[in-house]
Amino acid sequence: MNIQQHPIIVHVVQQPVESTTIGDVLVGAIGLTGVLVLVAILLGGAFGGVLIGIKLLRRRLNIEPASDSDIIHIV
């Protein structure tokens, strides 16, 4: 009896891939939107804070902006 006459063939079966549901897509989209809104709020607050800080610094140091520019002052 020769072993090479009857080879053993092994098929490797991969685990089934979980399908993506509509709920998964909605949760991901809402999460991404929340992160983008949070980043926008933080960047807007930081930018606004910098502008207010520059204005306060100019007022403290009595530095006036260039008079030849068209700046509208709201009092």
Protein backbone atom coordinates (compact mmCIF):
# COMPACT_ATOMS: atom_id res chain seq x y z
CA MET A 1 0.00 0.00 0.00
CA ASN A 2 1.45 3.27 -1.15
CA ILE A 3 0.43 6.49 0.67
CA GLN A 4 0.95 8.65 -2.41
CA GLN A 5 -1.93 6.96 -4.25
CA HIS A 6 -4.57 8.60 -2.00
CA PRO A 7 -3.58 12.18 -1.20
CA ILE A 8 -5.45 14.01 1.53
CA ILE A 9 -6.87 17.37 0.41
CA VAL A 10 -7.70 19.90 3.11
CA HIS A 11 -9.89 22.93 2.35
CA VAL A 12 -9.42 25.79 4.80
CA VAL A 13 -12.77 27.41 5.48
CA GLN A 14 -12.61 31.08 6.48
CA GLN A 15 -14.90 32.54 9.07
CA PRO A 16 -17.98 34.20 7.59
CA VAL A 17 -17.76 37.98 7.35
CA GLU A 18 -20.38 39.85 9.34
CA SER A 19 -22.60 41.91 7.10
CA THR A 20 -22.99 45.64 7.67
CA THR A 21 -26.51 46.67 8.56
CA ILE A 22 -28.24 49.99 8.04
CA GLY A 23 -28.04 50.57 11.79
CA ASP A 24 -24.24 50.24 11.68
CA VAL A 25 -24.07 52.78 8.85
CA LEU A 26 -26.36 55.23 10.68
CA VAL A 27 -24.42 54.95 13.93
CA GLY A 28 -21.16 55.54 12.06
CA ALA A 29 -22.57 58.55 10.19
CA ILE A 30 -24.02 60.12 13.33
CA GLY A 31 -20.74 59.53 15.18
CA LEU A 32 -18.72 61.13 12.38
CA THR A 33 -21.10 64.09 12.25
CA GLY A 34 -20.83 64.55 16.01
CA VAL A 35 -17.04 64.57 15.85
CA LEU A 36 -17.05 67.12 13.02
CA VAL A 37 -19.48 69.38 14.91
CA LEU A 38 -17.36 69.14 18.06
CA VAL A 39 -14.19 70.02 16.13
CA ALA A 40 -15.97 72.97 14.47
CA ILE A 41 -17.15 74.29 17.84
CA LEU A 42 -13.69 73.95 19.39
CA LEU A 43 -11.91 75.61 16.45
CA GLY A 44 -14.52 78.39 16.29
CA GLY A 45 -14.12 79.05 20.02
CA ALA A 46 -10.34 79.08 19.73
CA PHE A 47 -10.38 81.42 16.73
CA GLY A 48 -12.90 83.72 18.43
CA GLY A 49 -10.79 83.73 21.59
CA VAL A 50 -7.70 84.71 19.63
CA LEU A 51 -9.56 87.56 17.92
CA ILE A 52 -10.94 88.83 21.24
CA GLY A 53 -7.48 88.55 22.79
CA ILE A 54 -5.94 90.58 19.95
CA LYS A 55 -8.63 93.24 20.34
CA LEU A 56 -8.09 93.45 24.11
CA LEU A 57 -4.31 93.60 23.65
CA ARG A 58 -4.64 96.43 21.12
CA ARG A 59 -6.93 98.32 23.49
CA ARG A 60 -4.53 97.80 26.42
CA LEU A 61 -1.50 98.95 24.41
CA ASN A 62 -3.45 101.80 22.69
CA ILE A 63 -2.61 100.42 19.24
CA GLU A 64 -5.03 101.57 16.58
CA PRO A 65 -5.51 99.61 13.37
CA ALA A 66 -4.35 101.19 10.12
CA SER A 67 -6.59 104.18 9.31
CA ASP A 68 -6.51 103.61 5.53
CA SER A 69 -8.41 100.31 5.81
CA ASP A 70 -12.19 100.09 5.51
CA ILE A 71 -13.06 98.69 8.92
CA ILE A 72 -16.64 98.87 10.12
CA HIS A 73 -16.88 99.41 13.86
CA ILE A 74 -20.05 98.27 15.59
CA VAL A 75 -20.47 100.08 18.89
